[in-house]
């Protein structure tokens, strides 16, 4: 979890998608995140974390729904939402913290 602390401690916003590979729309979601990352460039980080491979972290953050999106900046959680989000919504949300 030390690496996670370093990751979210960034001065730029970090959008994290907590997902599971078995999700039926995982491919579509990955495409959406690529679009978000491309639009934001180096103004933000976009990261995917598989909850099955990172169970301790998912449990610590009480991740219940898939996908769950969280935006961190400076180590502080700024926004959190479970369920599908479109690229434009995610881009707008992250831009609030740039």
PDB file of N, CA and C in Angstrom:
ATOM      1  N   UNK A   1       0.818  -1.198   0.000  1.00  0.00           N
ATOM      2  CA  UNK A   1       0.000   0.000   0.000  1.00  0.00           C
ATOM      3  C   UNK A   1       0.856   1.254   0.000  1.00  0.00           C
ATOM      4  N   UNK A   2       2.143   1.124   0.287  1.00  0.00           N
ATOM      5  CA  UNK A   2       3.028   2.282   0.249  1.00  0.00           C
ATOM      6  C   UNK A   2       3.046   2.879  -1.150  1.00  0.00           C
ATOM      7  N   UNK A   3       3.110   2.028  -2.164  1.00  0.00           N
ATOM      8  CA  UNK A   3       3.098   2.523  -3.534  1.00  0.00           C
ATOM      9  C   UNK A   3       1.801   3.257  -3.838  1.00  0.00           C
ATOM     10  N   UNK A   4       0.683   2.783  -3.296  1.00  0.00           N
ATOM     11  CA  UNK A   4      -0.591   3.453  -3.512  1.00  0.00           C
ATOM     12  C   UNK A   4      -0.558   4.851  -2.898  1.00  0.00           C
ATOM     13  N   UNK A   5       0.019   4.976  -1.712  1.00  0.00           N
ATOM     14  CA  UNK A   5       0.149   6.282  -1.069  1.00  0.00           C
ATOM     15  C   UNK A   5       0.970   7.239  -1.911  1.00  0.00           C
ATOM     16  N   UNK A   6       2.034   6.748  -2.502  1.00  0.00           N
ATOM     17  CA  UNK A   6       2.857   7.586  -3.386  1.00  0.00           C
ATOM     18  C   UNK A   6       2.068   7.980  -4.627  1.00  0.00           C
ATOM     19  N   UNK A   7       1.302   7.053  -5.154  1.00  0.00           N
ATOM     20  CA  UNK A   7       0.511   7.297  -6.355  1.00  0.00           C
ATOM     21  C   UNK A   7      -0.518   8.401  -6.132  1.00  0.00           C
ATOM     22  N   UNK A   8      -1.277   8.310  -5.051  1.00  0.00           N
ATOM     23  CA  UNK A   8      -2.346   9.285  -4.826  1.00  0.00           C
ATOM     24  C   UNK A   8      -1.835  10.591  -4.235  1.00  0.00           C
ATOM     25  N   UNK A   9      -0.587  10.622  -3.795  1.00  0.00           N
ATOM     26  CA  UNK A   9      -0.012  11.829  -3.220  1.00  0.00           C
ATOM     27  C   UNK A   9       0.423  12.842  -4.264  1.00  0.00           C
ATOM     28  N   UNK A  10       0.193  12.551  -5.511  1.00  0.00           N
ATOM     29  CA  UNK A  10       0.612  13.402  -6.617  1.00  0.00           C
ATOM     30  C   UNK A  10      -0.038  14.782  -6.555  1.00  0.00           C
ATOM     31  N   UNK A  11       0.687  15.792  -7.068  1.00  0.00           N
ATOM     32  CA  UNK A  11       0.147  17.150  -7.145  1.00  0.00           C
ATOM     33  C   UNK A  11      -0.836  17.310  -8.295  1.00  0.00           C
ATOM     34  N   UNK A  12      -0.845  16.358  -9.218  1.00  0.00           N
ATOM     35  CA  UNK A  12      -1.835  16.400 -10.292  1.00  0.00           C
ATOM     36  C   UNK A  12      -2.928  15.386  -9.955  1.00  0.00           C
ATOM     37  N   UNK A  13      -4.135  15.597 -10.472  1.00  0.00           N
ATOM     38  CA  UNK A  13      -5.220  14.663 -10.164  1.00  0.00           C
ATOM     39  C   UNK A  13      -4.919  13.257 -10.670  1.00  0.00           C
ATOM     40  N   UNK A  14      -5.387  12.288  -9.920  1.00  0.00           N
ATOM     41  CA  UNK A  14      -5.230  10.872 -10.283  1.00  0.00           C
ATOM     42  C   UNK A  14      -6.625  10.258 -10.323  1.00  0.00           C
ATOM     43  N   UNK A  15      -7.034   9.830 -11.509  1.00  0.00           N
ATOM     44  CA  UNK A  15      -8.310   9.136 -11.666  1.00  0.00           C
ATOM     45  C   UNK A  15      -8.025   7.648 -11.641  1.00  0.00           C
ATOM     46  N   UNK A  16      -8.643   6.949 -10.703  1.00  0.00           N
ATOM     47  CA  UNK A  16      -8.432   5.506 -10.590  1.00  0.00           C
ATOM     48  C   UNK A  16      -9.738   4.786 -10.882  1.00  0.00           C
ATOM     49  N   UNK A  17      -9.642   3.793 -11.742  1.00  0.00           N
ATOM     50  CA  UNK A  17     -10.765   2.918 -12.056  1.00  0.00           C
ATOM     51  C   UNK A  17     -10.502   1.587 -11.371  1.00  0.00           C
ATOM     52  N   UNK A  18     -11.304   1.271 -10.373  1.00  0.00           N
ATOM     53  CA  UNK A  18     -11.244  -0.039  -9.734  1.00  0.00           C
ATOM     54  C   UNK A  18     -12.214  -0.934 -10.495  1.00  0.00           C
ATOM     55  N   UNK A  19     -11.690  -1.989 -11.104  1.00  0.00           N
ATOM     56  CA  UNK A  19     -12.493  -2.834 -11.981  1.00  0.00           C
ATOM     57  C   UNK A  19     -12.173  -4.300 -11.731  1.00  0.00           C
ATOM     58  N   UNK A  20     -12.937  -5.161 -12.398  1.00  0.00           N
ATOM     59  CA  UNK A  20     -12.663  -6.607 -12.384  1.00  0.00           C
ATOM     60  C   UNK A  20     -12.655  -7.086 -13.827  1.00  0.00           C
ATOM     61  N   UNK A  21     -11.721  -7.952 -14.159  1.00  0.00           N
ATOM     62  CA  UNK A  21     -11.581  -8.453 -15.532  1.00  0.00           C
ATOM     63  C   UNK A  21     -12.843  -9.153 -16.033  1.00  0.00           C
ATOM     64  N   UNK A  22     -13.602  -9.737 -15.141  1.00  0.00           N
ATOM     65  CA  UNK A  22     -14.772 -10.503 -15.563  1.00  0.00           C
ATOM     66  C   UNK A  22     -15.954  -9.616 -15.927  1.00  0.00           C
ATOM     67  N   UNK A  23     -15.851  -8.310 -15.743  1.00  0.00           N
ATOM     68  CA  UNK A  23     -16.949  -7.419 -16.098  1.00  0.00           C
ATOM     69  C   UNK A  23     -17.295  -7.586 -17.573  1.00  0.00           C
ATOM     70  N   UNK A  24     -18.565  -7.607 -17.880  1.00  0.00           N
ATOM     71  CA  UNK A  24     -18.998  -7.837 -19.257  1.00  0.00           C
ATOM     72  C   UNK A  24     -18.620  -6.693 -20.188  1.00  0.00           C
ATOM     73  N   UNK A  25     -18.553  -5.472 -19.675  1.00  0.00           N
ATOM     74  CA  UNK A  25     -18.224  -4.332 -20.529  1.00  0.00           C
ATOM     75  C   UNK A  25     -16.809  -3.807 -20.274  1.00  0.00           C
ATOM     76  N   UNK A  26     -15.921  -4.666 -19.815  1.00  0.00           N
ATOM     77  CA  UNK A  26     -14.554  -4.248 -19.478  1.00  0.00           C
ATOM     78  C   UNK A  26     -13.836  -3.656 -20.689  1.00  0.00           C
ATOM     79  N   UNK A  27     -14.009  -4.229 -21.855  1.00  0.00           N
ATOM     80  CA  UNK A  27     -13.350  -3.724 -23.055  1.00  0.00           C
ATOM     81  C   UNK A  27     -13.799  -2.317 -23.406  1.00  0.00           C
ATOM     82  N   UNK A  28     -15.082  -2.072 -23.307  1.00  0.00           N
ATOM     83  CA  UNK A  28     -15.630  -0.736 -23.584  1.00  0.00           C
ATOM     84  C   UNK A  28     -15.115   0.271 -22.564  1.00  0.00           C
ATOM     85  N   UNK A  29     -15.038  -0.137 -21.309  1.00  0.00           N
ATOM     86  CA  UNK A  29     -14.544   0.742 -20.255  1.00  0.00           C
ATOM     87  C   UNK A  29     -13.074   1.095 -20.474  1.00  0.00           C
ATOM     88  N   UNK A  30     -12.274   0.128 -20.895  1.00  0.00           N
ATOM     89  CA  UNK A  30     -10.858   0.397 -21.150  1.00  0.00           C
ATOM     90  C   UNK A  30     -10.705   1.411 -22.277  1.00  0.00           C
ATOM     91  N   UNK A  31     -11.557   1.309 -23.282  1.00  0.00           N
ATOM     92  CA  UNK A  31     -11.542   2.260 -24.393  1.00  0.00           C
ATOM     93  C   UNK A  31     -11.900   3.662 -23.902  1.00  0.00           C
ATOM     94  N   UNK A  32     -12.889   3.755 -23.039  1.00  0.00           N
ATOM     95  CA  UNK A  32     -13.292   5.040 -22.460  1.00  0.00           C
ATOM     96  C   UNK A  32     -12.138   5.660 -21.682  1.00  0.00           C
ATOM     97  N   UNK A  33     -11.440   4.851 -20.899  1.00  0.00           N
ATOM     98  CA  UNK A  33     -10.323   5.369 -20.108  1.00  0.00           C
ATOM     99  C   UNK A  33      -9.167   5.822 -20.994  1.00  0.00           C
ATOM    100  N   UNK A  34      -8.944   5.136 -22.104  1.00  0.00           N
ATOM    101  CA  UNK A  34      -7.914   5.583 -23.052  1.00  0.00           C
ATOM    102  C   UNK A  34      -8.266   6.967 -23.590  1.00  0.00           C
ATOM    103  N   UNK A  35      -9.548   7.171 -23.900  1.00  0.00           N
ATOM    104  CA  UNK A  35     -10.007   8.479 -24.383  1.00  0.00           C
ATOM    105  C   UNK A  35      -9.800   9.558 -23.323  1.00  0.00           C
ATOM    106  N   UNK A  36     -10.110   9.229 -22.082  1.00  0.00           N
ATOM    107  CA  UNK A  36      -9.936  10.176 -20.973  1.00  0.00           C
ATOM    108  C   UNK A  36      -8.457  10.528 -20.823  1.00  0.00           C
ATOM    109  N   UNK A  37      -7.603   9.514 -20.809  1.00  0.00           N
ATOM    110  CA  UNK A  37      -6.163   9.739 -20.659  1.00  0.00           C
ATOM    111  C   UNK A  37      -5.621  10.582 -21.808  1.00  0.00           C
ATOM    112  N   UNK A  38      -6.063  10.322 -23.027  1.00  0.00           N
ATOM    113  CA  UNK A  38      -5.600  11.084 -24.187  1.00  0.00           C
ATOM    114  C   UNK A  38      -6.031  12.540 -24.089  1.00  0.00           C
ATOM    115  N   UNK A  39      -7.263  12.776 -23.644  1.00  0.00           N
ATOM    116  CA  UNK A  39      -7.777  14.145 -23.541  1.00  0.00           C
ATOM    117  C   UNK A  39      -7.066  14.939 -22.452  1.00  0.00           C
ATOM    118  N   UNK A  40      -6.715  14.287 -21.368  1.00  0.00           N
ATOM    119  CA  UNK A  40      -6.093  14.984 -20.238  1.00  0.00           C
ATOM    120  C   UNK A  40      -4.581  15.127 -20.383  1.00  0.00           C
ATOM    121  N   UNK A  41      -3.974  14.243 -21.163  1.00  0.00           N
ATOM    122  CA  UNK A  41      -2.528  14.305 -21.363  1.00  0.00           C
ATOM    123  C   UNK A  41      -1.772  14.214 -20.051  1.00  0.00           C
ATOM    124  N   UNK A  42      -0.773  15.084 -19.894  1.00  0.00           N
ATOM    125  CA  UNK A  42       0.053  15.034 -18.677  1.00  0.00           C
ATOM    126  C   UNK A  42      -0.512  15.896 -17.550  1.00  0.00           C
ATOM    127  N   UNK A  43      -1.729  16.379 -17.701  1.00  0.00           N
ATOM    128  CA  UNK A  43      -2.361  17.184 -16.640  1.00  0.00           C
ATOM    129  C   UNK A  43      -2.982  16.317 -15.557  1.00  0.00           C
ATOM    130  N   UNK A  44      -3.073  15.010 -15.817  1.00  0.00           N
ATOM    131  CA  UNK A  44      -3.651  14.080 -14.844  1.00  0.00           C
ATOM    132  C   UNK A  44      -3.147  12.676 -15.149  1.00  0.00           C
ATOM    133  N   UNK A  45      -3.288  11.800 -14.160  1.00  0.00           N
ATOM    134  CA  UNK A  45      -2.956  10.389 -14.350  1.00  0.00           C
ATOM    135  C   UNK A  45      -4.263   9.608 -14.376  1.00  0.00           C
ATOM    136  N   UNK A  46      -4.321   8.608 -15.232  1.00  0.00           N
ATOM    137  CA  UNK A  46      -5.468   7.710 -15.308  1.00  0.00           C
ATOM    138  C   UNK A  46      -4.942   6.302 -15.089  1.00  0.00           C
ATOM    139  N   UNK A  47      -5.452   5.648 -14.053  1.00  0.00           N
ATOM    140  CA  UNK A  47      -4.917   4.352 -13.644  1.00  0.00           C
ATOM    141  C   UNK A  47      -6.052   3.357 -13.442  1.00  0.00           C
ATOM    142  N   UNK A  48      -5.813   2.118 -13.854  1.00  0.00           N
ATOM    143  CA  UNK A  48      -6.764   1.039 -13.632  1.00  0.00           C
ATOM    144  C   UNK A  48      -6.177   0.094 -12.584  1.00  0.00           C
ATOM    145  N   UNK A  49      -7.016  -0.318 -11.648  1.00  0.00           N
ATOM    146  CA  UNK A  49      -6.584  -1.274 -10.623  1.00  0.00           C
ATOM    147  C   UNK A  49      -7.588  -2.419 -10.578  1.00  0.00           C
ATOM    148  N   UNK A  50      -7.095  -3.616 -10.835  1.00  0.00           N
ATOM    149  CA  UNK A  50      -7.929  -4.820 -10.799  1.00  0.00           C
ATOM    150  C   UNK A  50      -8.179  -5.194  -9.339  1.00  0.00           C
ATOM    151  N   UNK A  51      -9.453  -5.191  -8.940  1.00  0.00           N
ATOM    152  CA  UNK A  51      -9.776  -5.441  -7.528  1.00  0.00           C
ATOM    153  C   UNK A  51      -9.479  -6.881  -7.116  1.00  0.00           C
ATOM    154  N   UNK A  52      -9.483  -7.804  -8.061  1.00  0.00           N
ATOM    155  CA  UNK A  52      -9.180  -9.191  -7.710  1.00  0.00           C
ATOM    156  C   UNK A  52      -7.695  -9.397  -7.446  1.00  0.00           C
ATOM    157  N   UNK A  53      -6.851  -8.625  -8.106  1.00  0.00           N
ATOM    158  CA  UNK A  53      -5.413  -8.727  -7.894  1.00  0.00           C
ATOM    159  C   UNK A  53      -4.946  -7.834  -6.746  1.00  0.00           C
ATOM    160  N   UNK A  54      -5.809  -6.948  -6.278  1.00  0.00           N
ATOM    161  CA  UNK A  54      -5.475  -6.002  -5.210  1.00  0.00           C
ATOM    162  C   UNK A  54      -6.577  -6.007  -4.159  1.00  0.00           C
ATOM    163  N   UNK A  55      -6.889  -7.198  -3.660  1.00  0.00           N
ATOM    164  CA  UNK A  55      -8.002  -7.357  -2.719  1.00  0.00           C
ATOM    165  C   UNK A  55      -7.838  -6.548  -1.441  1.00  0.00           C
ATOM    166  N   UNK A  56      -6.621  -6.509  -0.894  1.00  0.00           N
ATOM    167  CA  UNK A  56      -6.413  -5.758   0.353  1.00  0.00           C
ATOM    168  C   UNK A  56      -6.740  -4.282   0.163  1.00  0.00           C
ATOM    169  N   UNK A  57      -6.276  -3.714  -0.939  1.00  0.00           N
ATOM    170  CA  UNK A  57      -6.546  -2.312  -1.224  1.00  0.00           C
ATOM    171  C   UNK A  57      -8.037  -2.094  -1.452  1.00  0.00           C
ATOM    172  N   UNK A  58      -8.663  -2.942  -2.247  1.00  0.00           N
ATOM    173  CA  UNK A  58     -10.099  -2.815  -2.522  1.00  0.00           C
ATOM    174  C   UNK A  58     -10.909  -2.905  -1.227  1.00  0.00           C
ATOM    175  N   UNK A  59     -10.533  -3.813  -0.348  1.00  0.00           N
ATOM    176  CA  UNK A  59     -11.227  -3.932   0.940  1.00  0.00           C
ATOM    177  C   UNK A  59     -10.991  -2.708   1.813  1.00  0.00           C
ATOM    178  N   UNK A  60      -9.765  -2.211   1.835  1.00  0.00           N
ATOM    179  CA  UNK A  60      -9.444  -1.037   2.649  1.00  0.00           C
ATOM    180  C   UNK A  60     -10.240   0.186   2.194  1.00  0.00           C
ATOM    181  N   UNK A  61     -10.478   0.285   0.893  1.00  0.00           N
ATOM    182  CA  UNK A  61     -11.231   1.422   0.345  1.00  0.00           C
ATOM    183  C   UNK A  61     -12.727   1.132   0.240  1.00  0.00           C
ATOM    184  N   UNK A  62     -13.108  -0.060   0.670  1.00  0.00           N
ATOM    185  CA  UNK A  62     -14.506  -0.493   0.654  1.00  0.00           C
ATOM    186  C   UNK A  62     -15.120  -0.398  -0.744  1.00  0.00           C
ATOM    187  N   UNK A  63     -14.391  -0.919  -1.701  1.00  0.00           N
ATOM    188  CA  UNK A  63     -14.872  -0.956  -3.079  1.00  0.00           C
ATOM    189  C   UNK A  63     -15.907  -2.074  -3.164  1.00  0.00           C
ATOM    190  N   UNK A  64     -17.143  -1.717  -3.450  1.00  0.00           N
ATOM    191  CA  UNK A  64     -18.221  -2.709  -3.530  1.00  0.00           C
ATOM    192  C   UNK A  64     -18.749  -2.858  -4.948  1.00  0.00           C
ATOM    193  N   UNK A  65     -18.883  -1.759  -5.678  1.00  0.00           N
ATOM    194  CA  UNK A  65     -19.432  -1.802  -7.026  1.00  0.00           C
ATOM    195  C   UNK A  65     -18.347  -1.762  -8.075  1.00  0.00           C
ATOM    196  N   UNK A  66     -18.655  -2.329  -9.223  1.00  0.00           N
ATOM    197  CA  UNK A  66     -17.713  -2.310 -10.340  1.00  0.00           C
ATOM    198  C   UNK A  66     -18.378  -1.665 -11.539  1.00  0.00           C
ATOM    199  N   UNK A  67     -17.744  -0.736 -12.177  1.00  0.00           N
ATOM    200  CA  UNK A  67     -16.481  -0.134 -11.739  1.00  0.00           C
ATOM    201  C   UNK A  67     -16.729   0.916 -10.660  1.00  0.00           C
ATOM    202  N   UNK A  68     -15.682   1.249  -9.929  1.00  0.00           N
ATOM    203  CA  UNK A  68     -15.714   2.373  -8.999  1.00  0.00           C
ATOM    204  C   UNK A  68     -14.595   3.311  -9.407  1.00  0.00           C
ATOM    205  N   UNK A  69     -14.940   4.571  -9.589  1.00  0.00           N
ATOM    206  CA  UNK A  69     -13.973   5.593  -9.965  1.00  0.00           C
ATOM    207  C   UNK A  69     -13.706   6.486  -8.771  1.00  0.00           C
ATOM    208  N   UNK A  70     -12.433   6.814  -8.552  1.00  0.00           N
ATOM    209  CA  UNK A  70     -12.053   7.728  -7.475  1.00  0.00           C
ATOM    210  C   UNK A  70     -11.036   8.716  -8.034  1.00  0.00           C
ATOM    211  N   UNK A  71     -11.201   9.983  -7.677  1.00  0.00           N
ATOM    212  CA  UNK A  71     -10.219  11.007  -8.038  1.00  0.00           C
ATOM    213  C   UNK A  71      -9.514  11.435  -6.761  1.00  0.00           C
ATOM    214  N   UNK A  72      -8.181  11.371  -6.792  1.00  0.00           N
ATOM    215  CA  UNK A  72      -7.339  11.833  -5.695  1.00  0.00           C
ATOM    216  C   UNK A  72      -6.492  13.002  -6.174  1.00  0.00           C
ATOM    217  N   UNK A  73      -6.175  13.890  -5.260  1.00  0.00           N
ATOM    218  CA  UNK A  73      -5.185  14.932  -5.528  1.00  0.00           C
ATOM    219  C   UNK A  73      -4.519  15.263  -4.201  1.00  0.00           C
ATOM    220  N   UNK A  74      -3.191  15.258  -4.196  1.00  0.00           N
ATOM    221  CA  UNK A  74      -2.458  15.557  -2.975  1.00  0.00           C
ATOM    222  C   UNK A  74      -2.762  14.600  -1.843  1.00  0.00           C
ATOM    223  N   UNK A  75      -3.085  13.355  -2.180  1.00  0.00           N
ATOM    224  CA  UNK A  75      -3.359  12.332  -1.170  1.00  0.00           C
ATOM    225  C   UNK A  75      -4.774  12.366  -0.625  1.00  0.00           C
ATOM    226  N   UNK A  76      -5.599  13.274  -1.108  1.00  0.00           N
ATOM    227  CA  UNK A  76      -6.957  13.431  -0.602  1.00  0.00           C
ATOM    228  C   UNK A  76      -7.976  12.986  -1.653  1.00  0.00           C
ATOM    229  N   UNK A  77      -8.953  12.199  -1.216  1.00  0.00           N
ATOM    230  CA  UNK A  77     -10.017  11.787  -2.121  1.00  0.00           C
ATOM    231  C   UNK A  77     -10.901  12.997  -2.408  1.00  0.00           C
ATOM    232  N   UNK A  78     -11.080  13.291  -3.694  1.00  0.00           N
ATOM    233  CA  UNK A  78     -11.878  14.449  -4.095  1.00  0.00           C
ATOM    234  C   UNK A  78     -13.267  14.066  -4.595  1.00  0.00           C
ATOM    235  N   UNK A  79     -13.374  12.863  -5.181  1.00  0.00           N
ATOM    236  CA  UNK A  79     -14.637  12.425  -5.779  1.00  0.00           C
ATOM    237  C   UNK A  79     -14.629  10.911  -5.870  1.00  0.00           C
ATOM    238  N   UNK A  80     -15.818  10.319  -5.733  1.00  0.00           N
ATOM    239  CA  UNK A  80     -15.937   8.859  -5.826  1.00  0.00           C
ATOM    240  C   UNK A  80     -17.327   8.522  -6.351  1.00  0.00           C
ATOM    241  N   UNK A  81     -17.372   7.546  -7.270  1.00  0.00           N
ATOM    242  CA  UNK A  81     -18.653   7.130  -7.832  1.00  0.00           C
ATOM    243  C   UNK A  81     -18.536   5.705  -8.347  1.00  0.00           C
ATOM    244  N   UNK A  82     -19.540   4.898  -8.063  1.00  0.00           N
ATOM    245  CA  UNK A  82     -19.599   3.549  -8.621  1.00  0.00           C
ATOM    246  C   UNK A  82     -20.537   3.557  -9.811  1.00  0.00           C
ATOM    247  N   UNK A  83     -20.256   2.693 -10.764  1.00  0.00           N
ATOM    248  CA  UNK A  83     -21.105   2.584 -11.944  1.00  0.00           C
ATOM    249  C   UNK A  83     -20.431   3.193 -13.159  1.00  0.00           C
ATOM    250  N   UNK A  84     -20.991   2.872 -14.314  1.00  0.00           N
ATOM    251  CA  UNK A  84     -20.420   3.344 -15.575  1.00  0.00           C
ATOM    252  C   UNK A  84     -20.465   4.861 -15.679  1.00  0.00           C
ATOM    253  N   UNK A  85     -19.420   5.415 -16.253  1.00  0.00           N
ATOM    254  CA  UNK A  85     -19.324   6.853 -16.521  1.00  0.00           C
ATOM    255  C   UNK A  85     -18.828   6.999 -17.955  1.00  0.00           C
ATOM    256  N   UNK A  86     -19.305   8.025 -18.656  1.00  0.00           N
ATOM    257  CA  UNK A  86     -18.808   8.233 -20.013  1.00  0.00           C
ATOM    258  C   UNK A  86     -17.547   9.092 -19.967  1.00  0.00           C
ATOM    259  N   UNK A  87     -16.816   9.100 -21.068  1.00  0.00           N
ATOM    260  CA  UNK A  87     -15.523   9.796 -21.130  1.00  0.00           C
ATOM    261  C   UNK A  87     -15.670  11.284 -20.836  1.00  0.00           C
ATOM    262  N   UNK A  88     -16.677  11.935 -21.411  1.00  0.00           N
ATOM    263  CA  UNK A  88     -16.833  13.382 -21.205  1.00  0.00           C
ATOM    264  C   UNK A  88     -17.087  13.730 -19.751  1.00  0.00           C
ATOM    265  N   UNK A  89     -17.874  12.918 -19.076  1.00  0.00           N
ATOM    266  CA  UNK A  89     -18.139  13.149 -17.651  1.00  0.00           C
ATOM    267  C   UNK A  89     -16.857  13.034 -16.846  1.00  0.00           C
ATOM    268  N   UNK A  90     -16.095  11.973 -17.094  1.00  0.00           N
ATOM    269  CA  UNK A  90     -14.845  11.772 -16.356  1.00  0.00           C
ATOM    270  C   UNK A  90     -13.848  12.893 -16.639  1.00  0.00           C
ATOM    271  N   UNK A  91     -13.752  13.307 -17.894  1.00  0.00           N
ATOM    272  CA  UNK A  91     -12.828  14.390 -18.247  1.00  0.00           C
ATOM    273  C   UNK A  91     -13.210  15.680 -17.508  1.00  0.00           C
ATOM    274  N   UNK A  92     -14.502  16.014 -17.515  1.00  0.00           N
ATOM    275  CA  UNK A  92     -14.988  17.213 -16.827  1.00  0.00           C
ATOM    276  C   UNK A  92     -14.696  17.161 -15.334  1.00  0.00           C
ATOM    277  N   UNK A  93     -14.923  16.004 -14.737  1.00  0.00           N
ATOM    278  CA  UNK A  93     -14.689  15.854 -13.297  1.00  0.00           C
ATOM    279  C   UNK A  93     -13.209  16.045 -12.953  1.00  0.00           C
ATOM    280  N   UNK A  94     -12.342  15.402 -13.703  1.00  0.00           N
ATOM    281  CA  UNK A  94     -10.908  15.518 -13.433  1.00  0.00           C
ATOM    282  C   UNK A  94     -10.422  16.945 -13.655  1.00  0.00           C
ATOM    283  N   UNK A  95     -10.926  17.599 -14.686  1.00  0.00           N
ATOM    284  CA  UNK A  95     -10.488  18.963 -14.989  1.00  0.00           C
ATOM    285  C   UNK A  95     -10.787  19.956 -13.862  1.00  0.00           C
ATOM    286  N   UNK A  96     -11.766  19.648 -13.028  1.00  0.00           N
ATOM    287  CA  UNK A  96     -12.069  20.487 -11.873  1.00  0.00           C
ATOM    288  C   UNK A  96     -10.887  20.564 -10.890  1.00  0.00           C
ATOM    289  N   UNK A  97     -10.019  19.565 -10.927  1.00  0.00           N
ATOM    290  CA  UNK A  97      -8.922  19.474  -9.957  1.00  0.00           C
ATOM    291  C   UNK A  97      -7.551  19.705 -10.579  1.00  0.00           C
ATOM    292  N   UNK A  98      -7.517  20.073 -11.862  1.00  0.00           N
ATOM    293  CA  UNK A  98      -6.232  20.324 -12.542  1.00  0.00           C
ATOM    294  C   UNK A  98      -5.638  21.618 -12.029  1.00  0.00           C
TER     295      UNK A  98
END
